[in-house]
Amino acid sequence: MALQLGFQGLRGVSFLVPKKWFRITCICQRKRAISRSVLCGLMLFSLGLVSLFTGQIAADLEWSQIRGRWETKRVGYSFPVDIWKSEFANLYYGCSERSPHSSAAVHESVSNGYLLIATSGGLNQQRTGITDAVVVARILNATLVVPQLDHHSFWKDDSEFENIFDIDWFISSLSKDVTIIKRIPDKIMRSMEKPPYTMRPPRKSTPEYYLDQVLPILLRRRAVQLTKFDYRLTNNLDDELQKLRCRVNYHALKFTEPIQLLGQKLVKRMRTMSSRYIAVHLRFEPDMLAFSGCYYGGGEKERNELRGIRKRWTTLPDLSAEEEQSRGKCPLTPHEVGLMLRALGFVNKTYIYVASGEIYGGEETLQPLKDLFPNFYTKEMLAREDLKPFLPFSSQLAAIDYIICDESDVFATNNNGNMAKILAGHRRYIGYKRTIRPNAKKLSSLFKARNQMAWKVFSRKVKLAQRGFMGEPDEMRPGRGDFHEFPSSCICQNPDLIEIGGTLGKPEPTETI
């Protein structure tokens, strides 16, 4: 009223307005400003949502493409799984054929020299040495002399190569890859100024090591002997050399006819009693337990006995039995193996074949496993008199066990030793036959608490602990672990059975976990 404010109107015309009108105008302007801020905020929020949504779609599309590419190489699985057979077994096959571009074997007369190999350990440890010996000879363009087997290890077996493996088949089946002879000709030996040079390569040596360190000596001396040859070649090789490993291990190393005949005879006897069976490899010998540093509840008697055996290895460190068990480094007892299998769903009437050496504690240690699986058999029980010719030779006995375990529907082990690894690799190669290795780290705590929980609870927890340890295709990534256990370069998917970007419909399992 008394106070009026002047404003410059349009085209410079001045006019007067009351103060309250001015206040109303300012409030309206502020409301419009606030409305614009809210509107802008809403618009930005909406844009953010749209961006997030479209980004997620793009990410999903990209992941779908990645997953599609990956699943053409790798088939996963989800529980439940058939405890007797992998439902993906028919999707895979062993593929270790030579490449058409591979060069031929170098003839003896023009090779870089003679490679002699002295293997180490028991049957399956020596098997890895023989396999890698062929590959190293290929790398060096050398003539390989049939490897010598270890006669002085714990196993004390005097068997020669030809007593266990078909030597002529070994030489002929690998003739396109490496020239192999039974012995260096006398004429060549007499012409050498010095005997073969002896050396021991480091563990898991690369091809470059052999080319840089061994080849110059081989060229100079004409013959080199590599000693203690077990795991002396790296796991990581190019695919052609890996496939050669598979051709040696799964095709060229064929057992002699007497071993093969008895092995198959015992398999037939198991099949006559039951259409399917589990084979269990039990490493529970006194030396195994002493080496592990574990304790199994036998009091001072056990501690003193195993401590005495352990002194044979002067370089072994002091270990805590409790720590080793919590880390999953202790082999399962026969009773624990039985509990694991029963918890997984194998019933009391299941037929079980046990491959083992001398069990620490004898029958008393084995009885709980027999109580869980009364249909319990060993090669001694099945073969009777047929086994006599093989009894003095531990490696030949191990070869018979190998055949029966390899032919089984399910193979289980209480450790991850050489035989377990070699068999696991072979069973993957021939189509992922069910292979169970214990998740000892998780199982150890369950066995300790076994009496504090109902059987159904224990069974459920064992099944959960064993996910990823049942021998399914997606349990190990290519390049991980020991190649002899997971020969990824030699396993292919059947393109006629794999759908791009996914898997075929899964059959309903029978006995599942």
Protein backbone atom coordinates (compact mmCIF):
# COMPACT_ATOMS: atom_id res chain seq x y z
CA MET A 1 0.00 0.00 0.00
CA ALA A 2 2.30 2.81 1.28
CA LEU A 3 5.32 1.06 -0.17
CA GLN A 4 5.37 0.31 -3.85
CA LEU A 5 8.16 -1.04 -5.96
CA GLY A 6 8.92 0.08 -9.46
CA PHE A 7 9.62 -2.37 -12.29
CA GLN A 8 10.81 -1.79 -15.78
CA GLY A 9 8.07 -3.18 -17.94
CA LEU A 10 8.14 -4.28 -21.51
CA ARG A 11 9.61 -1.78 -23.94
CA GLY A 12 10.99 0.26 -21.02
CA VAL A 13 7.58 1.27 -19.59
CA SER A 14 7.69 1.65 -15.81
CA PHE A 15 4.83 0.61 -13.59
CA LEU A 16 4.23 0.21 -9.88
CA VAL A 17 3.12 -2.99 -8.04
CA PRO A 18 2.21 -3.55 -4.40
CA LYS A 19 4.88 -5.24 -2.19
CA LYS A 20 2.65 -8.28 -1.44
CA TRP A 21 2.32 -8.90 -5.18
CA PHE A 22 6.10 -8.91 -5.39
CA ARG A 23 6.28 -11.46 -2.53
CA ILE A 24 3.77 -13.71 -4.32
CA THR A 25 5.74 -13.43 -7.55
CA CYS A 26 9.02 -14.40 -5.81
CA ILE A 27 7.39 -17.40 -4.14
CA CYS A 28 6.03 -18.56 -7.48
CA GLN A 29 9.45 -18.18 -9.07
CA ARG A 30 11.06 -20.19 -6.25
CA LYS A 31 8.44 -22.92 -6.66
CA ARG A 32 9.10 -23.01 -10.40
CA ALA A 33 12.87 -23.26 -9.69
CA ILE A 34 12.29 -26.09 -7.20
CA SER A 35 9.99 -27.83 -9.68
CA ARG A 36 12.67 -27.59 -12.37
CA SER A 37 15.28 -29.06 -9.94
CA VAL A 38 12.99 -31.93 -9.02
CA LEU A 39 12.21 -32.51 -12.69
CA CYS A 40 15.90 -32.51 -13.60
CA GLY A 41 16.63 -34.91 -10.75
CA LEU A 42 13.89 -37.24 -11.88
CA MET A 43 15.17 -37.10 -15.45
CA LEU A 44 18.73 -37.89 -14.33
CA PHE A 45 17.49 -40.75 -12.14
CA SER A 46 15.48 -42.14 -15.06
CA LEU A 47 18.48 -41.90 -17.37
CA GLY A 48 20.54 -43.71 -14.76
CA LEU A 49 18.01 -46.52 -14.59
CA VAL A 50 17.90 -46.78 -18.36
CA SER A 51 21.71 -46.85 -18.52
CA LEU A 52 21.88 -49.49 -15.82
CA PHE A 53 19.22 -51.57 -17.55
CA THR A 54 20.84 -51.35 -21.00
CA GLY A 55 24.26 -51.99 -19.46
CA GLN A 56 22.92 -55.12 -17.79
CA ILE A 57 21.43 -56.29 -21.06
CA ALA A 58 24.77 -55.74 -22.78
CA ALA A 59 26.58 -57.54 -19.99
CA ASP A 60 24.12 -60.43 -20.16
CA LEU A 61 24.57 -60.67 -23.91
CA GLU A 62 28.34 -60.60 -23.56
CA TRP A 63 28.28 -63.22 -20.78
CA SER A 64 25.91 -65.36 -22.86
CA GLN A 65 28.42 -65.27 -25.71
CA ILE A 66 31.32 -66.08 -23.37
CA ARG A 67 29.37 -68.86 -21.73
CA GLY A 68 28.37 -70.24 -25.11
CA ARG A 69 32.01 -70.34 -26.23
CA TRP A 70 33.11 -71.91 -22.92
CA GLU A 71 30.38 -74.52 -22.84
CA THR A 72 31.41 -75.81 -26.23
CA LYS A 73 34.63 -76.79 -24.49
CA ARG A 74 33.39 -77.65 -21.03
CA VAL A 75 30.17 -79.23 -19.80
CA GLY A 76 29.14 -78.52 -16.24
CA TYR A 77 26.80 -80.41 -14.02
CA SER A 78 24.49 -79.75 -11.14
CA PHE A 79 23.43 -82.03 -8.36
CA PRO A 80 21.94 -84.54 -7.95
CA VAL A 81 24.35 -86.80 -9.84
CA ASP A 82 24.19 -90.51 -10.49
CA ILE A 83 26.66 -92.07 -8.05
CA TRP A 84 27.46 -94.90 -10.47
CA LYS A 85 28.02 -93.04 -13.71
CA SER A 86 28.60 -89.51 -14.92
CA GLU A 87 25.65 -88.47 -17.06
CA PHE A 88 28.12 -86.69 -19.35
CA ALA A 89 30.27 -89.78 -19.97
CA ASN A 90 29.07 -90.21 -23.56
CA LEU A 91 29.88 -86.59 -24.43
CA TYR A 92 33.65 -87.11 -24.27
CA TYR A 93 36.27 -89.28 -25.89
CA GLY A 94 40.04 -89.61 -25.86
CA CYS A 95 41.70 -87.77 -28.75
CA SER A 96 45.45 -88.26 -28.81
CA GLU A 97 46.09 -88.94 -32.50
CA ARG A 98 49.21 -87.54 -34.12
CA SER A 99 48.79 -84.35 -36.08
CA PRO A 100 49.11 -84.91 -39.86
CA HIS A 101 51.79 -82.20 -39.78
CA SER A 102 53.94 -83.96 -37.16
CA SER A 103 57.43 -84.83 -38.32
CA ALA A 104 58.44 -88.47 -38.50
CA ALA A 105 60.66 -90.11 -35.91
CA VAL A 106 64.38 -89.57 -36.43
CA HIS A 107 66.13 -92.75 -37.52
CA GLU A 108 68.74 -94.18 -35.17
CA SER A 109 71.58 -93.60 -37.61
CA VAL A 110 70.95 -89.85 -37.83
CA SER A 111 69.61 -89.16 -34.35
CA ASN A 112 71.42 -86.92 -31.86
CA GLY A 113 72.46 -89.90 -29.75
CA TYR A 114 71.14 -92.50 -27.33
CA LEU A 115 68.97 -91.63 -24.33
CA LEU A 116 68.99 -94.08 -21.44
CA ILE A 117 66.44 -93.72 -18.63
CA ALA A 118 66.53 -95.15 -15.10
CA THR A 119 63.04 -94.87 -13.60
CA SER A 120 62.23 -94.59 -9.91
CA GLY A 121 59.64 -95.87 -7.44
CA GLY A 122 56.79 -98.36 -7.80
CA LEU A 123 54.82 -99.34 -10.89
CA ASN A 124 52.83 -96.15 -11.42
CA GLN A 125 55.65 -93.78 -10.50
CA GLN A 126 57.80 -95.63 -13.04
CA ARG A 127 54.96 -95.38 -15.54
CA THR A 128 55.14 -91.58 -15.42
CA GLY A 129 58.91 -91.79 -15.96
CA ILE A 130 58.51 -94.04 -19.00
CA THR A 131 55.86 -91.75 -20.47
CA ASP A 132 58.00 -88.65 -20.03
CA ALA A 133 61.11 -90.46 -21.30
CA VAL A 134 59.48 -90.89 -24.71
CA VAL A 135 58.57 -87.19 -24.80
CA VAL A 136 62.10 -86.10 -23.82
CA ALA A 137 63.57 -88.35 -26.53
CA ARG A 138 61.27 -86.64 -29.03
CA ILE A 139 62.37 -83.20 -27.81
CA LEU A 140 66.06 -84.15 -28.15
CA ASN A 141 65.67 -86.04 -31.46
CA ALA A 142 67.34 -88.92 -29.65
CA THR A 143 67.06 -92.68 -29.94
CA LEU A 144 65.43 -93.99 -26.78
CA VAL A 145 66.71 -97.16 -25.15
CA VAL A 146 63.88 -99.06 -23.41
CA PRO A 147 63.82 -97.61 -19.87
CA GLN A 148 65.23 -99.54 -16.93
CA LEU A 149 62.90 -100.18 -13.99
CA ASP A 150 63.83 -99.45 -10.38
CA HIS A 151 64.93 -102.55 -8.45
CA HIS A 152 66.10 -100.83 -5.28
CA SER A 153 63.13 -98.80 -4.03
CA PHE A 154 60.87 -99.77 -1.15
CA TRP A 155 59.04 -102.21 -3.44
CA LYS A 156 62.13 -104.39 -4.07
CA ASP A 157 60.86 -105.81 -7.36
CA ASP A 158 63.34 -107.38 -9.81
CA SER A 159 60.92 -107.21 -12.76
CA GLU A 160 62.33 -105.89 -16.03
CA PHE A 161 60.34 -103.79 -18.49
CA GLU A 162 59.41 -106.82 -20.58
CA ASN A 163 58.09 -108.67 -17.49
CA ILE A 164 55.38 -106.04 -17.01
CA PHE A 165 54.81 -104.38 -20.38
CA ASP A 166 54.61 -105.76 -23.91
CA ILE A 167 57.98 -104.48 -25.09
CA ASP A 168 57.50 -105.17 -28.80
CA TRP A 169 54.15 -103.40 -28.82
CA PHE A 170 55.72 -100.46 -26.96
CA ILE A 171 58.41 -100.08 -29.62
CA SER A 172 56.21 -100.58 -32.68
CA SER A 173 53.24 -98.46 -31.55
CA LEU A 174 55.49 -95.42 -31.03
CA SER A 175 57.67 -95.91 -34.11
CA LYS A 176 56.22 -92.85 -35.88
CA ASP A 177 57.09 -90.62 -32.93
CA VAL A 178 60.38 -91.89 -31.51
CA THR A 179 62.88 -94.55 -32.48
CA ILE A 180 63.11 -96.99 -29.56
CA ILE A 181 65.61 -99.85 -29.25
CA LYS A 182 66.07 -102.54 -26.61
CA ARG A 183 69.77 -101.83 -26.08
CA ILE A 184 72.61 -99.87 -27.59
CA PRO A 185 74.36 -102.05 -30.20
CA ASP A 186 77.69 -103.50 -29.03
CA LYS A 187 79.46 -101.97 -32.01
CA ILE A 188 78.33 -98.50 -30.95
CA MET A 189 79.25 -99.12 -27.32
CA ARG A 190 82.76 -100.21 -28.27
CA SER A 191 83.25 -97.15 -30.44
CA MET A 192 82.45 -94.77 -27.57
CA GLU A 193 85.48 -93.21 -25.91
CA LYS A 194 83.64 -92.93 -22.57
CA PRO A 195 80.61 -94.64 -21.01
CA PRO A 196 77.23 -92.85 -21.14
CA TYR A 197 77.21 -89.60 -19.19
CA THR A 198 74.95 -89.80 -16.11
CA MET A 199 72.92 -86.89 -14.77
CA ARG A 200 69.70 -86.19 -12.88
CA PRO A 201 67.45 -83.41 -14.22
CA PRO A 202 65.56 -81.24 -11.71
CA ARG A 203 61.88 -81.96 -11.06
CA LYS A 204 59.46 -80.66 -13.70
CA SER A 205 62.15 -79.43 -16.07
CA THR A 206 61.08 -77.60 -19.22
CA PRO A 207 61.91 -78.60 -22.82
CA GLU A 208 64.35 -75.67 -22.84
CA TYR A 209 66.29 -77.25 -19.99
CA TYR A 210 66.74 -80.47 -21.96
CA LEU A 211 67.76 -78.57 -25.09
CA ASP A 212 70.17 -76.28 -23.23
CA GLN A 213 71.64 -78.65 -20.65
CA VAL A 214 71.25 -82.21 -21.94
CA LEU A 215 71.49 -81.92 -25.72
CA PRO A 216 75.07 -80.50 -25.82
CA ILE A 217 76.29 -83.39 -23.65
CA LEU A 218 74.35 -85.88 -25.76
CA LEU A 219 75.97 -84.57 -28.95
CA ARG A 220 79.41 -84.69 -27.37
CA ARG A 221 79.16 -88.07 -25.64
CA ARG A 222 76.65 -89.85 -27.94
CA ALA A 223 74.80 -91.36 -24.96
CA VAL A 224 73.29 -89.84 -21.81
CA GLN A 225 71.63 -91.63 -18.91
CA LEU A 226 69.03 -89.76 -16.84
CA THR A 227 68.56 -91.18 -13.34
CA LYS A 228 65.72 -91.08 -10.80
CA PHE A 229 63.50 -90.25 -13.74
CA ASP A 230 60.09 -89.54 -12.26
CA TYR A 231 58.21 -86.26 -12.75
CA ARG A 232 61.30 -84.76 -14.39
CA LEU A 233 59.28 -83.05 -17.11
CA THR A 234 56.97 -80.07 -16.66
CA ASN A 235 53.19 -80.42 -16.80
CA ASN A 236 53.00 -77.55 -19.28
CA LEU A 237 53.87 -78.64 -22.81
CA ASP A 238 52.41 -77.86 -26.21
CA ASP A 239 49.43 -79.96 -27.24
CA GLU A 240 51.36 -82.21 -29.60
CA LEU A 241 53.76 -83.30 -26.86
CA GLN A 242 50.87 -83.71 -24.42
CA LYS A 243 49.09 -85.95 -26.91
CA LEU A 244 52.28 -87.98 -27.23
CA ARG A 245 52.21 -88.43 -23.45
CA CYS A 246 48.69 -89.85 -23.80
CA ARG A 247 49.62 -92.19 -26.65
CA VAL A 248 52.41 -93.61 -24.51
CA ASN A 249 50.45 -93.89 -21.26
CA TYR A 250 47.09 -95.08 -22.56
CA HIS A 251 48.04 -97.04 -25.68
CA ALA A 252 51.70 -98.01 -25.84
CA LEU A 253 52.08 -99.23 -22.24
CA LYS A 254 50.12 -102.45 -22.60
CA PHE A 255 50.62 -105.10 -19.92
CA THR A 256 52.08 -108.47 -20.85
CA GLU A 257 49.68 -111.22 -21.85
CA PRO A 258 49.91 -113.21 -18.56
CA ILE A 259 49.11 -110.08 -16.51
CA GLN A 260 46.35 -109.02 -18.89
CA LEU A 261 44.73 -112.47 -18.91
CA LEU A 262 44.66 -112.81 -15.14
CA GLY A 263 43.44 -109.24 -14.67
CA GLN A 264 40.53 -109.75 -17.06
CA LYS A 265 39.77 -113.12 -15.50
CA LEU A 266 39.34 -111.48 -12.09
CA VAL A 267 37.20 -108.71 -13.59
CA LYS A 268 34.95 -111.41 -15.04
CA ARG A 269 34.66 -113.06 -11.63
CA MET A 270 33.56 -109.75 -10.11
CA ARG A 271 31.02 -109.25 -12.91
CA THR A 272 29.66 -112.77 -12.45
CA MET A 273 28.74 -111.93 -8.86
CA SER A 274 27.41 -108.44 -9.60
CA SER A 275 26.72 -106.42 -12.74
CA ARG A 276 28.67 -103.51 -11.28
CA TYR A 277 31.24 -102.94 -8.57
CA ILE A 278 33.36 -100.32 -6.83
CA ALA A 279 37.15 -100.59 -6.79
CA VAL A 280 38.92 -98.95 -3.87
CA HIS A 281 42.64 -98.26 -3.85
CA LEU A 282 43.77 -98.27 -0.21
CA ARG A 283 47.19 -96.81 0.46
CA PHE A 284 47.46 -97.63 4.16
CA GLU A 285 50.82 -99.34 4.36
CA PRO A 286 53.13 -98.59 7.33
CA ASP A 287 55.61 -96.64 5.16
CA MET A 288 52.79 -94.54 3.69
CA LEU A 289 51.51 -93.57 7.11
CA ALA A 290 55.02 -92.87 8.40
CA PHE A 291 55.79 -90.65 5.41
CA SER A 292 52.54 -88.70 5.86
CA GLY A 293 53.38 -87.79 9.46
CA CYS A 294 49.79 -88.54 10.51
CA TYR A 295 48.43 -90.26 13.60
CA TYR A 296 45.52 -92.73 13.66
CA GLY A 297 44.78 -93.29 17.33
CA GLY A 298 46.99 -96.29 18.02
CA GLY A 299 48.67 -94.79 21.08
CA GLU A 300 52.40 -94.89 21.85
CA LYS A 301 52.80 -98.20 20.02
CA GLU A 302 51.73 -96.59 16.74
CA ARG A 303 53.74 -93.43 17.37
CA ASN A 304 56.93 -95.38 18.05
CA GLU A 305 56.50 -97.74 15.10
CA LEU A 306 55.80 -94.99 12.57
CA ARG A 307 58.49 -92.75 14.04
CA GLY A 308 61.01 -95.54 13.54
CA ILE A 309 60.00 -96.02 9.90
CA ARG A 310 60.07 -92.27 9.30
CA LYS A 311 63.76 -92.14 10.27
CA ARG A 312 64.56 -93.85 6.95
CA TRP A 313 64.00 -90.48 5.26
CA THR A 314 66.62 -88.19 6.75
CA THR A 315 65.39 -85.07 4.95
CA LEU A 316 61.76 -85.17 6.11
CA PRO A 317 60.71 -82.24 8.32
CA ASP A 318 58.97 -82.57 11.67
CA LEU A 319 55.21 -82.49 11.17
CA SER A 320 52.23 -81.99 13.44
CA ALA A 321 49.75 -84.84 12.96
CA GLU A 322 46.85 -82.56 13.91
CA GLU A 323 47.88 -79.88 11.41
CA GLU A 324 48.38 -82.41 8.64
CA GLN A 325 44.92 -83.82 9.24
CA SER A 326 43.26 -80.39 9.29
CA ARG A 327 45.02 -79.61 5.98
CA GLY A 328 43.61 -82.78 4.42
CA LYS A 329 47.04 -84.40 4.02
CA CYS A 330 46.27 -87.65 5.86
CA PRO A 331 45.08 -90.74 3.95
CA LEU A 332 41.61 -91.86 5.00
CA THR A 333 41.42 -95.01 7.09
CA PRO A 334 39.58 -98.02 5.61
CA HIS A 335 36.70 -97.27 8.00
CA GLU A 336 36.53 -93.64 6.84
CA VAL A 337 36.50 -94.74 3.19
CA GLY A 338 33.56 -97.01 3.99
CA LEU A 339 31.70 -94.24 5.79
CA MET A 340 32.27 -91.86 2.87
CA LEU A 341 30.93 -94.36 0.32
CA ARG A 342 27.89 -95.28 2.41
CA ALA A 343 27.13 -91.61 3.05
CA LEU A 344 27.28 -90.95 -0.70
CA GLY A 345 24.56 -93.56 -1.23
CA PHE A 346 26.28 -96.88 -1.95
CA VAL A 347 24.27 -99.54 -0.14
CA ASN A 348 25.40 -102.37 2.12
CA LYS A 349 25.01 -105.03 -0.61
CA THR A 350 27.33 -103.20 -3.06
CA TYR A 351 30.26 -105.31 -4.27
CA ILE A 352 33.63 -103.81 -3.52
CA TYR A 353 37.10 -104.72 -4.75
CA VAL A 354 40.00 -103.51 -2.62
CA ALA A 355 43.46 -102.99 -4.11
CA SER A 356 46.10 -102.57 -1.44
CA GLY A 357 49.46 -103.58 -0.11
CA GLU A 358 50.11 -104.46 3.50
CA ILE A 359 47.47 -102.70 5.61
CA TYR A 360 48.80 -101.21 8.83
CA GLY A 361 46.99 -103.00 11.64
CA GLY A 362 45.94 -105.90 9.39
CA GLU A 363 42.47 -107.42 9.69
CA GLU A 364 41.59 -105.30 12.70
CA THR A 365 41.98 -102.16 10.58
CA LEU A 366 40.04 -103.64 7.65
CA GLN A 367 37.11 -105.07 9.63
CA PRO A 368 35.05 -101.82 9.87
CA LEU A 369 35.15 -101.51 6.07
CA LYS A 370 34.09 -105.14 5.71
CA ASP A 371 31.20 -104.54 8.12
CA LEU A 372 29.99 -101.67 5.96
CA PHE A 373 30.46 -103.65 2.72
CA PRO A 374 30.28 -107.42 3.36
CA ASN A 375 30.73 -108.18 -0.36
CA PHE A 376 34.42 -107.42 -0.02
CA TYR A 377 37.03 -108.90 -2.37
CA THR A 378 40.76 -108.69 -3.11
CA LYS A 379 42.90 -110.23 -5.83
CA GLU A 380 44.08 -112.84 -3.32
CA MET A 381 40.47 -113.89 -2.64
CA LEU A 382 39.52 -113.96 -6.33
CA ALA A 383 42.63 -115.49 -7.88
CA ARG A 384 43.67 -118.08 -5.31
CA GLU A 385 46.22 -120.42 -6.95
CA ASP A 386 46.34 -118.33 -10.15
CA LEU A 387 48.19 -115.61 -8.27
CA LYS A 388 51.18 -117.72 -7.20
CA PRO A 389 53.48 -116.94 -10.18
CA PHE A 390 53.11 -113.21 -9.47
CA LEU A 391 53.52 -113.19 -5.69
CA PRO A 392 57.29 -112.42 -5.65
CA PHE A 393 56.80 -109.33 -7.86
CA SER A 394 55.04 -106.34 -6.29
CA SER A 395 54.90 -104.35 -9.54
CA GLN A 396 53.22 -107.22 -11.38
CA LEU A 397 50.71 -107.54 -8.56
CA ALA A 398 50.10 -103.79 -8.81
CA ALA A 399 49.50 -104.21 -12.56
CA ILE A 400 46.76 -106.78 -11.84
CA ASP A 401 45.16 -104.34 -9.37
CA TYR A 402 45.41 -101.62 -12.01
CA ILE A 403 43.38 -103.64 -14.52
CA ILE A 404 40.61 -104.50 -12.06
CA CYS A 405 40.39 -100.90 -10.82
CA ASP A 406 40.40 -99.51 -14.35
CA GLU A 407 37.54 -101.82 -15.39
CA SER A 408 35.39 -100.96 -12.36
CA ASP A 409 32.19 -98.92 -12.61
CA VAL A 410 33.37 -96.66 -9.78
CA PHE A 411 36.92 -96.08 -8.63
CA ALA A 412 37.57 -94.55 -5.20
CA THR A 413 40.76 -93.87 -3.33
CA ASN A 414 41.82 -92.84 0.16
CA ASN A 415 44.74 -90.72 -1.07
CA ASN A 416 46.03 -88.89 -4.11
CA GLY A 417 49.11 -91.01 -4.81
CA ASN A 418 50.60 -92.12 -8.11
CA MET A 419 48.17 -94.96 -8.86
CA ALA A 420 45.18 -92.78 -7.96
CA LYS A 421 46.37 -90.02 -10.32
CA ILE A 422 47.24 -92.33 -13.21
CA LEU A 423 43.90 -94.16 -12.97
CA ALA A 424 41.95 -90.92 -12.61
CA GLY A 425 43.59 -89.61 -15.78
CA HIS A 426 42.91 -92.81 -17.73
CA ARG A 427 39.27 -92.93 -16.60
CA ARG A 428 38.78 -89.33 -17.71
CA TYR A 429 40.40 -90.17 -21.04
CA ILE A 430 38.03 -93.06 -21.75
CA GLY A 431 34.89 -91.04 -20.99
CA TYR A 432 34.81 -89.79 -17.43
CA LYS A 433 34.13 -93.08 -15.69
CA ARG A 434 33.04 -92.31 -12.13
CA THR A 435 36.15 -91.58 -10.04
CA ILE A 436 35.83 -90.48 -6.41
CA ARG A 437 38.67 -88.82 -4.56
CA PRO A 438 38.04 -87.75 -0.98
CA ASN A 439 37.89 -84.11 -0.02
CA ALA A 440 39.99 -85.02 3.01
CA LYS A 441 40.20 -81.46 4.34
CA LYS A 442 36.43 -81.19 4.79
CA LEU A 443 35.82 -84.83 5.59
CA SER A 444 38.29 -84.90 8.51
CA SER A 445 36.12 -82.58 10.62
CA LEU A 446 32.98 -84.57 9.72
CA PHE A 447 34.57 -87.86 10.80
CA LYS A 448 35.57 -86.30 14.12
CA ALA A 449 31.98 -85.17 14.74
CA ARG A 450 30.38 -88.33 13.35
CA ASN A 451 28.94 -89.45 16.72
CA GLN A 452 27.46 -86.01 17.43
CA MET A 453 25.07 -86.00 14.46
CA ALA A 454 22.34 -88.20 13.02
CA TRP A 455 23.23 -90.36 10.01
CA LYS A 456 21.01 -88.31 7.67
CA VAL A 457 22.79 -85.12 8.69
CA PHE A 458 26.21 -86.76 8.30
CA SER A 459 25.26 -88.14 4.89
CA ARG A 460 24.02 -84.77 3.68
CA LYS A 461 27.22 -83.05 4.82
CA VAL A 462 29.43 -85.68 3.18
CA LYS A 463 27.57 -85.20 -0.10
CA LEU A 464 28.10 -81.46 0.12
CA ALA A 465 31.80 -81.93 0.94
CA GLN A 466 32.26 -84.23 -2.06
CA ARG A 467 30.86 -81.81 -4.62
CA GLY A 468 33.68 -81.30 -7.07
CA PHE A 469 35.41 -84.56 -6.09
CA MET A 470 33.25 -87.06 -7.99
CA GLY A 471 35.08 -87.16 -11.30
CA GLU A 472 32.78 -84.89 -13.29
CA PRO A 473 34.05 -83.02 -16.38
CA ASP A 474 34.00 -79.54 -14.83
CA GLU A 475 35.93 -80.35 -11.65
CA MET A 476 39.31 -79.26 -12.98
CA ARG A 477 40.19 -76.49 -15.39
CA PRO A 478 42.56 -77.22 -18.29
CA GLY A 479 46.17 -76.60 -17.27
CA ARG A 480 45.46 -77.10 -13.56
CA GLY A 481 46.91 -79.95 -11.54
CA ASP A 482 49.06 -82.85 -12.67
CA PHE A 483 48.73 -83.69 -16.37
CA HIS A 484 48.77 -87.43 -15.69
CA GLU A 485 45.70 -86.90 -13.50
CA PHE A 486 43.91 -84.49 -15.84
CA PRO A 487 45.04 -84.98 -19.46
CA SER A 488 42.97 -82.08 -20.79
CA SER A 489 44.80 -81.84 -24.14
CA CYS A 490 43.74 -85.41 -24.92
CA ILE A 491 40.03 -85.15 -24.11
CA CYS A 492 37.57 -83.92 -26.72
CA GLN A 493 33.83 -83.36 -26.78
CA ASN A 494 31.66 -85.20 -29.25
CA PRO A 495 30.31 -82.43 -31.54
CA ASP A 496 27.28 -84.55 -32.44
CA LEU A 497 26.14 -84.64 -28.81
CA ILE A 498 26.99 -81.13 -27.63
CA GLU A 499 24.59 -78.24 -28.24
CA ILE A 500 26.38 -74.97 -28.86
CA GLY A 501 26.00 -72.75 -25.80
CA GLY A 502 24.47 -75.43 -23.61
CA THR A 503 24.07 -79.09 -22.87
CA LEU A 504 21.66 -81.79 -23.85
CA GLY A 505 18.74 -82.72 -21.68
CA LYS A 506 19.93 -84.57 -18.61
CA PRO A 507 18.60 -88.05 -17.88
CA GLU A 508 16.94 -88.76 -14.57
CA PRO A 509 19.54 -90.29 -12.22
CA THR A 510 18.93 -93.51 -10.37
CA GLU A 511 20.98 -93.48 -7.17
CA THR A 512 21.96 -89.88 -6.61
CA ILE A 513 23.68 -87.52 -4.25
